[in-house]
Amino acid sequence: MVPSYQGKGYATEMGKAMVKWALTHPNVKKVKATCDPDNYASIRVLEKIGFKRTKEEEESIFWVY
């Protein structure tokens, strides 16, 4: 994300909209995501959206909604 737009909630709103849209499809039962463990902004966005950590490895955190 362009630095001037960071911290304004755009990523959270986009993530919420994508999850909502995905779950409108009858064959979609869950939404998964991954991020780097040191990407604190992405971790916070996923937590705010409601994703739950399912697995953590050295290079990735795995999430499910």
PDB file of N, CA and C in Angstrom:
ATOM      1  N   MET A   1       0.844  -1.163   0.000  1.00  0.00           N
ATOM      2  CA  MET A   1       0.000   0.000   0.000  1.00  0.00           C
ATOM      3  C   MET A   1       0.894   1.232   0.000  1.00  0.00           C
ATOM      4  N   VAL A   2       0.471   2.235  -0.708  1.00  0.00           N
ATOM      5  CA  VAL A   2       1.215   3.487  -0.770  1.00  0.00           C
ATOM      6  C   VAL A   2       1.290   4.081   0.634  1.00  0.00           C
ATOM      7  N   PRO A   3       2.476   4.489   1.076  1.00  0.00           N
ATOM      8  CA  PRO A   3       2.635   4.964   2.449  1.00  0.00           C
ATOM      9  C   PRO A   3       1.634   6.041   2.882  1.00  0.00           C
ATOM     10  N   SER A   4       1.259   6.936   2.003  1.00  0.00           N
ATOM     11  CA  SER A   4       0.339   8.012   2.401  1.00  0.00           C
ATOM     12  C   SER A   4      -1.067   7.497   2.705  1.00  0.00           C
ATOM     13  N   TYR A   5      -1.367   6.265   2.306  1.00  0.00           N
ATOM     14  CA  TYR A   5      -2.677   5.676   2.573  1.00  0.00           C
ATOM     15  C   TYR A   5      -2.647   4.649   3.709  1.00  0.00           C
ATOM     16  N   GLN A   6      -1.471   4.383   4.255  1.00  0.00           N
ATOM     17  CA  GLN A   6      -1.354   3.416   5.339  1.00  0.00           C
ATOM     18  C   GLN A   6      -1.943   3.971   6.626  1.00  0.00           C
ATOM     19  N   GLY A   7      -2.498   3.089   7.434  1.00  0.00           N
ATOM     20  CA  GLY A   7      -3.013   3.486   8.729  1.00  0.00           C
ATOM     21  C   GLY A   7      -4.369   4.167   8.703  1.00  0.00           C
ATOM     22  N   LYS A   8      -5.046   4.124   7.565  1.00  0.00           N
ATOM     23  CA  LYS A   8      -6.348   4.774   7.440  1.00  0.00           C
ATOM     24  C   LYS A   8      -7.505   3.783   7.384  1.00  0.00           C
ATOM     25  N   GLY A   9      -7.199   2.490   7.528  1.00  0.00           N
ATOM     26  CA  GLY A   9      -8.255   1.481   7.554  1.00  0.00           C
ATOM     27  C   GLY A   9      -8.651   0.925   6.197  1.00  0.00           C
ATOM     28  N   TYR A  10      -7.978   1.352   5.144  1.00  0.00           N
ATOM     29  CA  TYR A  10      -8.344   0.882   3.808  1.00  0.00           C
ATOM     30  C   TYR A  10      -8.109  -0.615   3.632  1.00  0.00           C
ATOM     31  N   ALA A  11      -7.003  -1.128   4.134  1.00  0.00           N
ATOM     32  CA  ALA A  11      -6.716  -2.567   3.999  1.00  0.00           C
ATOM     33  C   ALA A  11      -7.740  -3.397   4.772  1.00  0.00           C
ATOM     34  N   THR A  12      -8.135  -2.928   5.941  1.00  0.00           N
ATOM     35  CA  THR A  12      -9.132  -3.643   6.741  1.00  0.00           C
ATOM     36  C   THR A  12     -10.470  -3.666   6.013  1.00  0.00           C
ATOM     37  N   GLU A  13     -10.891  -2.534   5.487  1.00  0.00           N
ATOM     38  CA  GLU A  13     -12.170  -2.477   4.769  1.00  0.00           C
ATOM     39  C   GLU A  13     -12.142  -3.329   3.507  1.00  0.00           C
ATOM     40  N   MET A  14     -11.028  -3.312   2.793  1.00  0.00           N
ATOM     41  CA  MET A  14     -10.885  -4.140   1.600  1.00  0.00           C
ATOM     42  C   MET A  14     -10.930  -5.609   1.963  1.00  0.00           C
ATOM     43  N   GLY A  15     -10.239  -5.987   3.025  1.00  0.00           N
ATOM     44  CA  GLY A  15     -10.237  -7.377   3.465  1.00  0.00           C
ATOM     45  C   GLY A  15     -11.620  -7.852   3.878  1.00  0.00           C
ATOM     46  N   LYS A  16     -12.331  -7.019   4.631  1.00  0.00           N
ATOM     47  CA  LYS A  16     -13.702  -7.361   5.031  1.00  0.00           C
ATOM     48  C   LYS A  16     -14.586  -7.569   3.811  1.00  0.00           C
ATOM     49  N   ALA A  17     -14.470  -6.674   2.847  1.00  0.00           N
ATOM     50  CA  ALA A  17     -15.291  -6.770   1.630  1.00  0.00           C
ATOM     51  C   ALA A  17     -14.962  -8.029   0.844  1.00  0.00           C
ATOM     52  N   MET A  18     -13.694  -8.382   0.754  1.00  0.00           N
ATOM     53  CA  MET A  18     -13.306  -9.586   0.014  1.00  0.00           C
ATOM     54  C   MET A  18     -13.825 -10.848   0.693  1.00  0.00           C
ATOM     55  N   VAL A  19     -13.743 -10.903   2.022  1.00  0.00           N
ATOM     56  CA  VAL A  19     -14.244 -12.067   2.761  1.00  0.00           C
ATOM     57  C   VAL A  19     -15.761 -12.166   2.588  1.00  0.00           C
ATOM     58  N   LYS A  20     -16.436 -11.049   2.747  1.00  0.00           N
ATOM     59  CA  LYS A  20     -17.902 -11.034   2.594  1.00  0.00           C
ATOM     60  C   LYS A  20     -18.300 -11.510   1.201  1.00  0.00           C
ATOM     61  N   TRP A  21     -17.615 -11.004   0.181  1.00  0.00           N
ATOM     62  CA  TRP A  21     -17.905 -11.391  -1.204  1.00  0.00           C
ATOM     63  C   TRP A  21     -17.636 -12.885  -1.404  1.00  0.00           C
ATOM     64  N   ALA A  22     -16.495 -13.371  -0.921  1.00  0.00           N
ATOM     65  CA  ALA A  22     -16.133 -14.785  -1.104  1.00  0.00           C
ATOM     66  C   ALA A  22     -17.179 -15.701  -0.478  1.00  0.00           C
ATOM     67  N   LEU A  23     -17.659 -15.331   0.710  1.00  0.00           N
ATOM     68  CA  LEU A  23     -18.599 -16.190   1.421  1.00  0.00           C
ATOM     69  C   LEU A  23     -20.011 -16.150   0.851  1.00  0.00           C
ATOM     70  N   THR A  24     -20.255 -15.288  -0.135  1.00  0.00           N
ATOM     71  CA  THR A  24     -21.561 -15.303  -0.811  1.00  0.00           C
ATOM     72  C   THR A  24     -21.641 -16.425  -1.832  1.00  0.00           C
ATOM     73  N   HIS A  25     -20.517 -17.013  -2.171  1.00  0.00           N
ATOM     74  CA  HIS A  25     -20.476 -18.104  -3.141  1.00  0.00           C
ATOM     75  C   HIS A  25     -20.757 -19.424  -2.424  1.00  0.00           C
ATOM     76  N   PRO A  26     -21.701 -20.204  -2.934  1.00  0.00           N
ATOM     77  CA  PRO A  26     -22.140 -21.404  -2.212  1.00  0.00           C
ATOM     78  C   PRO A  26     -21.050 -22.444  -1.952  1.00  0.00           C
ATOM     79  N   ASN A  27     -20.044 -22.510  -2.786  1.00  0.00           N
ATOM     80  CA  ASN A  27     -18.996 -23.521  -2.600  1.00  0.00           C
ATOM     81  C   ASN A  27     -17.868 -23.061  -1.681  1.00  0.00           C
ATOM     82  N   VAL A  28     -17.905 -21.814  -1.254  1.00  0.00           N
ATOM     83  CA  VAL A  28     -16.860 -21.283  -0.373  1.00  0.00           C
ATOM     84  C   VAL A  28     -17.310 -21.456   1.071  1.00  0.00           C
ATOM     85  N   LYS A  29     -16.566 -22.227   1.818  1.00  0.00           N
ATOM     86  CA  LYS A  29     -16.888 -22.495   3.225  1.00  0.00           C
ATOM     87  C   LYS A  29     -15.972 -21.747   4.180  1.00  0.00           C
ATOM     88  N   LYS A  30     -14.760 -21.432   3.730  1.00  0.00           N
ATOM     89  CA  LYS A  30     -13.822 -20.689   4.561  1.00  0.00           C
ATOM     90  C   LYS A  30     -12.859 -19.928   3.668  1.00  0.00           C
ATOM     91  N   VAL A  31     -12.219 -18.932   4.244  1.00  0.00           N
ATOM     92  CA  VAL A  31     -11.240 -18.115   3.527  1.00  0.00           C
ATOM     93  C   VAL A  31      -9.924 -18.243   4.283  1.00  0.00           C
ATOM     94  N   LYS A  32      -8.861 -18.465   3.548  1.00  0.00           N
ATOM     95  CA  LYS A  32      -7.541 -18.628   4.163  1.00  0.00           C
ATOM     96  C   LYS A  32      -6.631 -17.478   3.762  1.00  0.00           C
ATOM     97  N   ALA A  33      -5.658 -17.202   4.626  1.00  0.00           N
ATOM     98  CA  ALA A  33      -4.676 -16.153   4.352  1.00  0.00           C
ATOM     99  C   ALA A  33      -3.334 -16.578   4.934  1.00  0.00           C
ATOM    100  N   THR A  34      -2.282 -15.980   4.426  1.00  0.00           N
ATOM    101  CA  THR A  34      -0.942 -16.154   4.998  1.00  0.00           C
ATOM    102  C   THR A  34      -0.270 -14.790   5.059  1.00  0.00           C
ATOM    103  N   CYS A  35       0.667 -14.654   5.983  1.00  0.00           N
ATOM    104  CA  CYS A  35       1.486 -13.443   6.033  1.00  0.00           C
ATOM    105  C   CYS A  35       2.802 -13.774   6.727  1.00  0.00           C
ATOM    106  N   ASP A  36       3.759 -12.892   6.550  1.00  0.00           N
ATOM    107  CA  ASP A  36       5.046 -13.044   7.222  1.00  0.00           C
ATOM    108  C   ASP A  36       4.887 -12.720   8.702  1.00  0.00           C
ATOM    109  N   PRO A  37       5.583 -13.436   9.573  1.00  0.00           N
ATOM    110  CA  PRO A  37       5.466 -13.185  11.011  1.00  0.00           C
ATOM    111  C   PRO A  37       5.928 -11.793  11.436  1.00  0.00           C
ATOM    112  N   ASP A  38       6.767 -11.152  10.632  1.00  0.00           N
ATOM    113  CA  ASP A  38       7.245  -9.817  10.989  1.00  0.00           C
ATOM    114  C   ASP A  38       6.445  -8.705  10.312  1.00  0.00           C
ATOM    115  N   ASN A  39       5.359  -9.055   9.626  1.00  0.00           N
ATOM    116  CA  ASN A  39       4.507  -8.051   8.987  1.00  0.00           C
ATOM    117  C   ASN A  39       3.371  -7.699   9.946  1.00  0.00           C
ATOM    118  N   TYR A  40       3.695  -6.844  10.894  1.00  0.00           N
ATOM    119  CA  TYR A  40       2.758  -6.519  11.973  1.00  0.00           C
ATOM    120  C   TYR A  40       1.486  -5.838  11.479  1.00  0.00           C
ATOM    121  N   ALA A  41       1.594  -5.056  10.414  1.00  0.00           N
ATOM    122  CA  ALA A  41       0.403  -4.396   9.874  1.00  0.00           C
ATOM    123  C   ALA A  41      -0.574  -5.430   9.313  1.00  0.00           C
ATOM    124  N   SER A  42      -0.070  -6.404   8.575  1.00  0.00           N
ATOM    125  CA  SER A  42      -0.941  -7.448   8.022  1.00  0.00           C
ATOM    126  C   SER A  42      -1.544  -8.304   9.122  1.00  0.00           C
ATOM    127  N   ILE A  43      -0.768  -8.611  10.138  1.00  0.00           N
ATOM    128  CA  ILE A  43      -1.279  -9.389  11.267  1.00  0.00           C
ATOM    129  C   ILE A  43      -2.438  -8.643  11.915  1.00  0.00           C
ATOM    130  N   ARG A  44      -2.272  -7.374  12.141  1.00  0.00           N
ATOM    131  CA  ARG A  44      -3.321  -6.576  12.782  1.00  0.00           C
ATOM    132  C   ARG A  44      -4.572  -6.511  11.911  1.00  0.00           C
ATOM    133  N   VAL A  45      -4.395  -6.342  10.601  1.00  0.00           N
ATOM    134  CA  VAL A  45      -5.541  -6.299   9.690  1.00  0.00           C
ATOM    135  C   VAL A  45      -6.300  -7.622   9.746  1.00  0.00           C
ATOM    136  N   LEU A  46      -5.593  -8.728   9.654  1.00  0.00           N
ATOM    137  CA  LEU A  46      -6.250 -10.039   9.691  1.00  0.00           C
ATOM    138  C   LEU A  46      -6.973 -10.252  11.016  1.00  0.00           C
ATOM    139  N   GLU A  47      -6.369  -9.827  12.113  1.00  0.00           N
ATOM    140  CA  GLU A  47      -7.033  -9.949  13.418  1.00  0.00           C
ATOM    141  C   GLU A  47      -8.302  -9.099  13.474  1.00  0.00           C
ATOM    142  N   LYS A  48      -8.231  -7.874  12.966  1.00  0.00           N
ATOM    143  CA  LYS A  48      -9.404  -6.987  12.991  1.00  0.00           C
ATOM    144  C   LYS A  48     -10.542  -7.528  12.143  1.00  0.00           C
ATOM    145  N   ILE A  49     -10.206  -8.184  11.029  1.00  0.00           N
ATOM    146  CA  ILE A  49     -11.235  -8.753  10.156  1.00  0.00           C
ATOM    147  C   ILE A  49     -11.906  -9.944  10.831  1.00  0.00           C
ATOM    148  N   GLY A  50     -11.164 -10.651  11.679  1.00  0.00           N
ATOM    149  CA  GLY A  50     -11.737 -11.808  12.362  1.00  0.00           C
ATOM    150  C   GLY A  50     -11.096 -13.131  12.001  1.00  0.00           C
ATOM    151  N   PHE A  51      -9.967 -13.080  11.300  1.00  0.00           N
ATOM    152  CA  PHE A  51      -9.246 -14.306  10.989  1.00  0.00           C
ATOM    153  C   PHE A  51      -8.635 -14.878  12.268  1.00  0.00           C
ATOM    154  N   LYS A  52      -8.497 -16.195  12.300  1.00  0.00           N
ATOM    155  CA  LYS A  52      -7.880 -16.898  13.423  1.00  0.00           C
ATOM    156  C   LYS A  52      -6.619 -17.605  12.939  1.00  0.00           C
ATOM    157  N   ARG A  53      -5.559 -17.519  13.731  1.00  0.00           N
ATOM    158  CA  ARG A  53      -4.311 -18.223  13.390  1.00  0.00           C
ATOM    159  C   ARG A  53      -4.547 -19.724  13.477  1.00  0.00           C
ATOM    160  N   THR A  54      -4.065 -20.429  12.457  1.00  0.00           N
ATOM    161  CA  THR A  54      -4.190 -21.877  12.477  1.00  0.00           C
ATOM    162  C   THR A  54      -2.833 -22.565  12.590  1.00  0.00           C
ATOM    163  N   LYS A  55      -1.787 -21.892  12.146  1.00  0.00           N
ATOM    164  CA  LYS A  55      -0.465 -22.498  12.140  1.00  0.00           C
ATOM    165  C   LYS A  55       0.562 -21.384  12.028  1.00  0.00           C
ATOM    166  N   GLU A  56       1.680 -21.582  12.688  1.00  0.00           N
ATOM    167  CA  GLU A  56       2.759 -20.609  12.598  1.00  0.00           C
ATOM    168  C   GLU A  56       4.059 -21.336  12.324  1.00  0.00           C
ATOM    169  N   GLU A  57       4.739 -20.894  11.294  1.00  0.00           N
ATOM    170  CA  GLU A  57       6.050 -21.429  10.933  1.00  0.00           C
ATOM    171  C   GLU A  57       7.057 -20.287  10.964  1.00  0.00           C
ATOM    172  N   GLU A  58       8.309 -20.611  10.746  1.00  0.00           N
ATOM    173  CA  GLU A  58       9.354 -19.607  10.797  1.00  0.00           C
ATOM    174  C   GLU A  58       9.108 -18.475   9.786  1.00  0.00           C
ATOM    175  N   GLU A  59       8.624 -18.812   8.589  1.00  0.00           N
ATOM    176  CA  GLU A  59       8.482 -17.823   7.543  1.00  0.00           C
ATOM    177  C   GLU A  59       7.041 -17.421   7.241  1.00  0.00           C
ATOM    178  N   SER A  60       6.042 -18.045   7.844  1.00  0.00           N
ATOM    179  CA  SER A  60       4.655 -17.721   7.537  1.00  0.00           C
ATOM    180  C   SER A  60       3.737 -17.999   8.720  1.00  0.00           C
ATOM    181  N   ILE A  61       2.685 -17.171   8.791  1.00  0.00           N
ATOM    182  CA  ILE A  61       1.571 -17.423   9.692  1.00  0.00           C
ATOM    183  C   ILE A  61       0.371 -17.737   8.804  1.00  0.00           C
ATOM    184  N   PHE A  62      -0.353 -18.786   9.146  1.00  0.00           N
ATOM    185  CA  PHE A  62      -1.508 -19.214   8.367  1.00  0.00           C
ATOM    186  C   PHE A  62      -2.771 -18.869   9.151  1.00  0.00           C
ATOM    187  N   TRP A  63      -3.780 -18.394   8.425  1.00  0.00           N
ATOM    188  CA  TRP A  63      -5.014 -17.898   9.028  1.00  0.00           C
ATOM    189  C   TRP A  63      -6.237 -18.514   8.332  1.00  0.00           C
ATOM    190  N   VAL A  64      -7.356 -18.552   9.042  1.00  0.00           N
ATOM    191  CA  VAL A  64      -8.615 -18.978   8.450  1.00  0.00           C
ATOM    192  C   VAL A  64      -9.739 -18.102   9.009  1.00  0.00           C
ATOM    193  N   TYR A  65     -10.724 -17.863   8.153  1.00  0.00           N
ATOM    194  CA  TYR A  65     -11.912 -17.100   8.546  1.00  0.00           C
ATOM    195  C   TYR A  65     -13.103 -17.992   8.408  1.00  0.00           C
TER     196      TYR A  65
END
